[in-house]
PDB file of all heavy atoms in Angstrom:
ATOM      1  N   VAL A   1     -11.738   8.826  -7.686  1.00  0.00           N
ATOM      2  CA  VAL A   1     -10.506   9.571  -7.907  1.00  0.00           C
ATOM      3  C   VAL A   1      -9.532   8.998  -6.895  1.00  0.00           C
ATOM      4  O   VAL A   1      -9.760   9.089  -5.689  1.00  0.00           O
ATOM      5  CB  VAL A   1     -10.684  11.094  -7.709  1.00  0.00           C
ATOM      6  CG1 VAL A   1      -9.355  11.806  -7.841  1.00  0.00           C
ATOM      7  CG2 VAL A   1     -11.700  11.635  -8.705  1.00  0.00           C
ATOM      8  N   ARG A   2      -8.453   8.363  -7.379  1.00  0.00           N
ATOM      9  CA  ARG A   2      -7.545   7.628  -6.501  1.00  0.00           C
ATOM     10  C   ARG A   2      -6.106   8.127  -6.710  1.00  0.00           C
ATOM     11  O   ARG A   2      -5.526   7.911  -7.765  1.00  0.00           O
ATOM     12  CB  ARG A   2      -7.633   6.140  -6.833  1.00  0.00           C
ATOM     13  CG  ARG A   2      -6.767   5.244  -5.980  1.00  0.00           C
ATOM     14  CD  ARG A   2      -6.787   3.791  -6.495  1.00  0.00           C
ATOM     15  NE  ARG A   2      -8.118   3.221  -6.508  1.00  0.00           N
ATOM     16  CZ  ARG A   2      -8.698   2.722  -7.616  1.00  0.00           C
ATOM     17  NH1 ARG A   2      -8.087   2.712  -8.767  1.00  0.00           N
ATOM     18  NH2 ARG A   2      -9.911   2.216  -7.555  1.00  0.00           N
ATOM     19  N   PRO A   3      -5.525   8.787  -5.695  1.00  0.00           N
ATOM     20  CA  PRO A   3      -4.124   9.203  -5.821  1.00  0.00           C
ATOM     21  C   PRO A   3      -3.185   8.061  -5.459  1.00  0.00           C
ATOM     22  O   PRO A   3      -3.426   7.334  -4.496  1.00  0.00           O
ATOM     23  CB  PRO A   3      -4.003  10.342  -4.808  1.00  0.00           C
ATOM     24  CG  PRO A   3      -5.044  10.031  -3.772  1.00  0.00           C
ATOM     25  CD  PRO A   3      -6.155   9.311  -4.500  1.00  0.00           C
ATOM     26  N   TYR A   4      -2.129   7.898  -6.233  1.00  0.00           N
ATOM     27  CA  TYR A   4      -1.072   6.927  -5.948  1.00  0.00           C
ATOM     28  C   TYR A   4       0.164   7.714  -5.544  1.00  0.00           C
ATOM     29  O   TYR A   4       0.667   8.537  -6.297  1.00  0.00           O
ATOM     30  CB  TYR A   4      -0.730   6.095  -7.193  1.00  0.00           C
ATOM     31  CG  TYR A   4      -1.819   5.136  -7.609  1.00  0.00           C
ATOM     32  CD1 TYR A   4      -2.934   5.570  -8.310  1.00  0.00           C
ATOM     33  CD2 TYR A   4      -1.714   3.779  -7.307  1.00  0.00           C
ATOM     34  CE1 TYR A   4      -3.928   4.685  -8.704  1.00  0.00           C
ATOM     35  CE2 TYR A   4      -2.699   2.882  -7.702  1.00  0.00           C
ATOM     36  CZ  TYR A   4      -3.804   3.358  -8.397  1.00  0.00           C
ATOM     37  OH  TYR A   4      -4.771   2.467  -8.790  1.00  0.00           O
ATOM     38  N   VAL A   5       0.662   7.449  -4.336  1.00  0.00           N
ATOM     39  CA  VAL A   5       1.807   8.157  -3.790  1.00  0.00           C
ATOM     40  C   VAL A   5       3.062   7.310  -4.005  1.00  0.00           C
ATOM     41  O   VAL A   5       3.055   6.093  -3.795  1.00  0.00           O
ATOM     42  CB  VAL A   5       1.595   8.426  -2.285  1.00  0.00           C
ATOM     43  CG1 VAL A   5       2.793   9.106  -1.675  1.00  0.00           C
ATOM     44  CG2 VAL A   5       0.333   9.240  -2.073  1.00  0.00           C
ATOM     45  N   LEU A   6       4.151   7.972  -4.421  1.00  0.00           N
ATOM     46  CA  LEU A   6       5.423   7.273  -4.591  1.00  0.00           C
ATOM     47  C   LEU A   6       5.944   6.768  -3.256  1.00  0.00           C
ATOM     48  O   LEU A   6       5.870   7.484  -2.253  1.00  0.00           O
ATOM     49  CB  LEU A   6       6.474   8.209  -5.178  1.00  0.00           C
ATOM     50  CG  LEU A   6       6.492   8.372  -6.683  1.00  0.00           C
ATOM     51  CD1 LEU A   6       7.575   9.373  -7.089  1.00  0.00           C
ATOM     52  CD2 LEU A   6       6.677   7.055  -7.407  1.00  0.00           C
ATOM     53  N   VAL A   7       6.437   5.549  -3.245  1.00  0.00           N
ATOM     54  CA  VAL A   7       7.087   4.967  -2.073  1.00  0.00           C
ATOM     55  C   VAL A   7       8.387   4.289  -2.515  1.00  0.00           C
ATOM     56  O   VAL A   7       8.517   3.900  -3.675  1.00  0.00           O
ATOM     57  CB  VAL A   7       6.179   3.940  -1.343  1.00  0.00           C
ATOM     58  CG1 VAL A   7       4.944   4.628  -0.765  1.00  0.00           C
ATOM     59  CG2 VAL A   7       5.762   2.812  -2.255  1.00  0.00           C
ATOM     60  N   ASP A   8       9.322   4.173  -1.591  1.00  0.00           N
ATOM     61  CA  ASP A   8      10.575   3.498  -1.895  1.00  0.00           C
ATOM     62  C   ASP A   8      10.421   1.989  -1.937  1.00  0.00           C
ATOM     63  O   ASP A   8      11.114   1.303  -2.685  1.00  0.00           O
ATOM     64  CB  ASP A   8      11.650   3.856  -0.858  1.00  0.00           C
ATOM     65  CG  ASP A   8      12.071   5.313  -0.960  1.00  0.00           C
ATOM     66  OD1 ASP A   8      12.085   5.863  -2.073  1.00  0.00           O
ATOM     67  OD2 ASP A   8      12.383   5.901   0.091  1.00  0.00           O
ATOM     68  N   ASP A   9       9.511   1.446  -1.129  1.00  0.00           N
ATOM     69  CA  ASP A   9       9.326  -0.008  -1.006  1.00  0.00           C
ATOM     70  C   ASP A   9       7.826  -0.277  -0.850  1.00  0.00           C
ATOM     71  O   ASP A   9       7.267  -0.109   0.247  1.00  0.00           O
ATOM     72  CB  ASP A   9      10.117  -0.510   0.208  1.00  0.00           C
ATOM     73  CG  ASP A   9      10.029  -2.009   0.405  1.00  0.00           C
ATOM     74  OD1 ASP A   9       9.088  -2.658  -0.110  1.00  0.00           O
ATOM     75  OD2 ASP A   9      10.904  -2.546   1.112  1.00  0.00           O
ATOM     76  N   VAL A  10       7.197  -0.710  -1.922  1.00  0.00           N
ATOM     77  CA  VAL A  10       5.744  -0.903  -1.886  1.00  0.00           C
ATOM     78  C   VAL A  10       5.345  -2.020  -0.930  1.00  0.00           C
ATOM     79  O   VAL A  10       4.323  -1.919  -0.261  1.00  0.00           O
ATOM     80  CB  VAL A  10       5.168  -1.112  -3.310  1.00  0.00           C
ATOM     81  CG1 VAL A  10       5.531  -2.456  -3.888  1.00  0.00           C
ATOM     82  CG2 VAL A  10       3.663  -0.884  -3.339  1.00  0.00           C
ATOM     83  N   GLU A  11       6.142  -3.079  -0.830  1.00  0.00           N
ATOM     84  CA  GLU A  11       5.818  -4.179   0.089  1.00  0.00           C
ATOM     85  C   GLU A  11       5.803  -3.675   1.533  1.00  0.00           C
ATOM     86  O   GLU A  11       4.874  -3.968   2.294  1.00  0.00           O
ATOM     87  CB  GLU A  11       6.837  -5.316  -0.048  1.00  0.00           C
ATOM     88  CG  GLU A  11       6.849  -5.980  -1.400  1.00  0.00           C
ATOM     89  CD  GLU A  11       5.733  -6.990  -1.624  1.00  0.00           C
ATOM     90  OE1 GLU A  11       5.086  -7.383  -0.627  1.00  0.00           O
ATOM     91  OE2 GLU A  11       5.511  -7.373  -2.771  1.00  0.00           O
ATOM     92  N   ALA A  12       6.821  -2.903   1.923  1.00  0.00           N
ATOM     93  CA  ALA A  12       6.888  -2.362   3.282  1.00  0.00           C
ATOM     94  C   ALA A  12       5.752  -1.375   3.522  1.00  0.00           C
ATOM     95  O   ALA A  12       5.156  -1.347   4.612  1.00  0.00           O
ATOM     96  CB  ALA A  12       8.241  -1.685   3.511  1.00  0.00           C
ATOM     97  N   ALA A  13       5.420  -0.554   2.524  1.00  0.00           N
ATOM     98  CA  ALA A  13       4.339   0.419   2.668  1.00  0.00           C
ATOM     99  C   ALA A  13       3.005  -0.288   2.848  1.00  0.00           C
ATOM    100  O   ALA A  13       2.175   0.131   3.656  1.00  0.00           O
ATOM    101  CB  ALA A  13       4.310   1.356   1.461  1.00  0.00           C
ATOM    102  N   VAL A  14       2.783  -1.380   2.118  1.00  0.00           N
ATOM    103  CA  VAL A  14       1.540  -2.147   2.261  1.00  0.00           C
ATOM    104  C   VAL A  14       1.437  -2.712   3.678  1.00  0.00           C
ATOM    105  O   VAL A  14       0.370  -2.642   4.306  1.00  0.00           O
ATOM    106  CB  VAL A  14       1.445  -3.267   1.192  1.00  0.00           C
ATOM    107  CG1 VAL A  14       0.392  -4.302   1.570  1.00  0.00           C
ATOM    108  CG2 VAL A  14       1.155  -2.675  -0.171  1.00  0.00           C
ATOM    109  N   GLU A  15       2.523  -3.239   4.191  1.00  0.00           N
ATOM    110  CA  GLU A  15       2.490  -3.778   5.549  1.00  0.00           C
ATOM    111  C   GLU A  15       2.230  -2.674   6.572  1.00  0.00           C
ATOM    112  O   GLU A  15       1.507  -2.877   7.547  1.00  0.00           O
ATOM    113  CB  GLU A  15       3.773  -4.535   5.865  1.00  0.00           C
ATOM    114  CG  GLU A  15       3.889  -5.849   5.097  1.00  0.00           C
ATOM    115  CD  GLU A  15       2.606  -6.703   5.168  1.00  0.00           C
ATOM    116  OE1 GLU A  15       2.081  -6.925   6.272  1.00  0.00           O
ATOM    117  OE2 GLU A  15       2.144  -7.152   4.100  1.00  0.00           O
ATOM    118  N   ALA A  16       2.799  -1.483   6.345  1.00  0.00           N
ATOM    119  CA  ALA A  16       2.579  -0.366   7.264  1.00  0.00           C
ATOM    120  C   ALA A  16       1.127   0.078   7.283  1.00  0.00           C
ATOM    121  O   ALA A  16       0.553   0.304   8.353  1.00  0.00           O
ATOM    122  CB  ALA A  16       3.492   0.803   6.881  1.00  0.00           C
ATOM    123  N   VAL A  17       0.498   0.192   6.097  1.00  0.00           N
ATOM    124  CA  VAL A  17      -0.899   0.621   6.083  1.00  0.00           C
ATOM    125  C   VAL A  17      -1.827  -0.480   6.599  1.00  0.00           C
ATOM    126  O   VAL A  17      -2.836  -0.193   7.235  1.00  0.00           O
ATOM    127  CB  VAL A  17      -1.355   1.142   4.688  1.00  0.00           C
ATOM    128  CG1 VAL A  17      -0.526   2.347   4.273  1.00  0.00           C
ATOM    129  CG2 VAL A  17      -1.337   0.061   3.621  1.00  0.00           C
ATOM    130  N   ARG A  18      -1.447  -1.740   6.362  1.00  0.00           N
ATOM    131  CA  ARG A  18      -2.231  -2.850   6.911  1.00  0.00           C
ATOM    132  C   ARG A  18      -2.194  -2.799   8.444  1.00  0.00           C
ATOM    133  O   ARG A  18      -3.219  -2.943   9.104  1.00  0.00           O
ATOM    134  CB  ARG A  18      -1.688  -4.198   6.415  1.00  0.00           C
ATOM    135  CG  ARG A  18      -2.527  -5.387   6.859  1.00  0.00           C
ATOM    136  CD  ARG A  18      -1.909  -6.747   6.580  1.00  0.00           C
ATOM    137  NE  ARG A  18      -1.191  -6.891   5.357  1.00  0.00           N
ATOM    138  CZ  ARG A  18      -1.677  -7.354   4.196  1.00  0.00           C
ATOM    139  NH1 ARG A  18      -2.957  -7.685   4.135  1.00  0.00           N
ATOM    140  NH2 ARG A  18      -0.919  -7.477   3.143  1.00  0.00           N
ATOM    141  N   ALA A  19      -1.016  -2.534   8.997  1.00  0.00           N
ATOM    142  CA  ALA A  19      -0.868  -2.439  10.456  1.00  0.00           C
ATOM    143  C   ALA A  19      -1.665  -1.256  11.021  1.00  0.00           C
ATOM    144  O   ALA A  19      -2.080  -1.282  12.179  1.00  0.00           O
ATOM    145  CB  ALA A  19       0.615  -2.303  10.828  1.00  0.00           C
ATOM    146  N   ALA A  20      -1.884  -0.243  10.192  1.00  0.00           N
ATOM    147  CA  ALA A  20      -2.663   0.920  10.614  1.00  0.00           C
ATOM    148  C   ALA A  20      -4.170   0.698  10.459  1.00  0.00           C
ATOM    149  O   ALA A  20      -4.966   1.586  10.750  1.00  0.00           O
ATOM    150  CB  ALA A  20      -2.240   2.158   9.813  1.00  0.00           C
ATOM    151  N   GLY A  21      -4.559  -0.491   9.986  1.00  0.00           N
ATOM    152  CA  GLY A  21      -5.975  -0.823   9.887  1.00  0.00           C
ATOM    153  C   GLY A  21      -6.554  -0.803   8.486  1.00  0.00           C
ATOM    154  O   GLY A  21      -7.759  -0.976   8.307  1.00  0.00           O
ATOM    155  N   ALA A  22      -5.712  -0.595   7.472  1.00  0.00           N
ATOM    156  CA  ALA A  22      -6.208  -0.551   6.093  1.00  0.00           C
ATOM    157  C   ALA A  22      -6.553  -1.941   5.575  1.00  0.00           C
ATOM    158  O   ALA A  22      -5.949  -2.944   5.985  1.00  0.00           O
ATOM    159  CB  ALA A  22      -5.158   0.084   5.181  1.00  0.00           C
ATOM    160  N   GLN A  23      -7.528  -1.978   4.691  1.00  0.00           N
ATOM    161  CA  GLN A  23      -7.866  -3.197   3.954  1.00  0.00           C
ATOM    162  C   GLN A  23      -7.099  -3.128   2.640  1.00  0.00           C
ATOM    163  O   GLN A  23      -7.155  -2.117   1.929  1.00  0.00           O
ATOM    164  CB  GLN A  23      -9.370  -3.229   3.666  1.00  0.00           C
ATOM    165  CG  GLN A  23      -9.783  -4.324   2.728  1.00  0.00           C
ATOM    166  CD  GLN A  23     -11.221  -4.139   2.243  1.00  0.00           C
ATOM    167  OE1 GLN A  23     -11.944  -3.243   2.643  1.00  0.00           O
ATOM    168  NE2 GLN A  23     -11.612  -4.993   1.317  1.00  0.00           N
ATOM    169  N   ILE A  24      -6.378  -4.177   2.311  1.00  0.00           N
ATOM    170  CA  ILE A  24      -5.623  -4.210   1.054  1.00  0.00           C
ATOM    171  C   ILE A  24      -6.575  -4.673  -0.047  1.00  0.00           C
ATOM    172  O   ILE A  24      -7.028  -5.818  -0.064  1.00  0.00           O
ATOM    173  CB  ILE A  24      -4.386  -5.145   1.159  1.00  0.00           C
ATOM    174  CG1 ILE A  24      -3.529  -4.762   2.374  1.00  0.00           C
ATOM    175  CG2 ILE A  24      -3.591  -5.113  -0.143  1.00  0.00           C
ATOM    176  CD1 ILE A  24      -3.096  -3.308   2.425  1.00  0.00           C
ATOM    177  N   ALA A  25      -6.903  -3.761  -0.941  1.00  0.00           N
ATOM    178  CA  ALA A  25      -7.838  -4.071  -2.032  1.00  0.00           C
ATOM    179  C   ALA A  25      -7.113  -4.768  -3.187  1.00  0.00           C
ATOM    180  O   ALA A  25      -7.698  -5.615  -3.862  1.00  0.00           O
ATOM    181  CB  ALA A  25      -8.500  -2.794  -2.527  1.00  0.00           C
ATOM    182  N   LEU A  26      -5.863  -4.397  -3.419  1.00  0.00           N
ATOM    183  CA  LEU A  26      -5.065  -5.014  -4.476  1.00  0.00           C
ATOM    184  C   LEU A  26      -3.629  -5.059  -3.973  1.00  0.00           C
ATOM    185  O   LEU A  26      -3.029  -4.016  -3.718  1.00  0.00           O
ATOM    186  CB  LEU A  26      -5.154  -4.215  -5.775  1.00  0.00           C
ATOM    187  CG  LEU A  26      -4.486  -4.835  -6.995  1.00  0.00           C
ATOM    188  CD1 LEU A  26      -5.191  -6.114  -7.415  1.00  0.00           C
ATOM    189  CD2 LEU A  26      -4.474  -3.859  -8.144  1.00  0.00           C
ATOM    190  N   PRO A  27      -3.075  -6.246  -3.803  1.00  0.00           N
ATOM    191  CA  PRO A  27      -1.694  -6.356  -3.312  1.00  0.00           C
ATOM    192  C   PRO A  27      -0.708  -5.832  -4.359  1.00  0.00           C
ATOM    193  O   PRO A  27      -1.100  -5.582  -5.513  1.00  0.00           O
ATOM    194  CB  PRO A  27      -1.515  -7.847  -3.078  1.00  0.00           C
ATOM    195  CG  PRO A  27      -2.474  -8.499  -4.002  1.00  0.00           C
ATOM    196  CD  PRO A  27      -3.658  -7.552  -4.099  1.00  0.00           C
ATOM    197  N   PRO A  28       0.555  -5.662  -3.989  1.00  0.00           N
ATOM    198  CA  PRO A  28       1.533  -5.164  -4.949  1.00  0.00           C
ATOM    199  C   PRO A  28       1.473  -5.938  -6.270  1.00  0.00           C
ATOM    200  O   PRO A  28       1.513  -7.166  -6.290  1.00  0.00           O
ATOM    201  CB  PRO A  28       2.864  -5.359  -4.228  1.00  0.00           C
ATOM    202  CG  PRO A  28       2.498  -5.208  -2.777  1.00  0.00           C
ATOM    203  CD  PRO A  28       1.148  -5.882  -2.671  1.00  0.00           C
ATOM    204  N   THR A  29       1.333  -5.177  -7.337  1.00  0.00           N
ATOM    205  CA  THR A  29       1.190  -5.731  -8.682  1.00  0.00           C
ATOM    206  C   THR A  29       2.103  -4.969  -9.623  1.00  0.00           C
ATOM    207  O   THR A  29       2.053  -3.743  -9.662  1.00  0.00           O
ATOM    208  CB  THR A  29      -0.276  -5.596  -9.166  1.00  0.00           C
ATOM    209  OG1 THR A  29      -1.129  -6.242  -8.200  1.00  0.00           O
ATOM    210  CG2 THR A  29      -0.475  -6.195 -10.533  1.00  0.00           C
ATOM    211  N   GLU A  30       2.917  -5.695 -10.366  1.00  0.00           N
ATOM    212  CA  GLU A  30       3.838  -5.036 -11.294  1.00  0.00           C
ATOM    213  C   GLU A  30       3.159  -4.812 -12.649  1.00  0.00           C
ATOM    214  O   GLU A  30       2.427  -5.676 -13.152  1.00  0.00           O
ATOM    215  CB  GLU A  30       5.088  -5.880 -11.498  1.00  0.00           C
ATOM    216  CG  GLU A  30       6.107  -5.197 -12.387  1.00  0.00           C
ATOM    217  CD  GLU A  30       7.400  -5.966 -12.547  1.00  0.00           C
ATOM    218  OE1 GLU A  30       7.560  -7.025 -11.895  1.00  0.00           O
ATOM    219  OE2 GLU A  30       8.262  -5.530 -13.324  1.00  0.00           O
TER     220      GLU A  30
END
């Protein structure tokens, strides 16, 4: 069960979670 949260800028959000230690399983995909 995976919630997707709305963000204004997905690229910036990915970088923020990566900096917090997250593993990016799937990069931004349109």
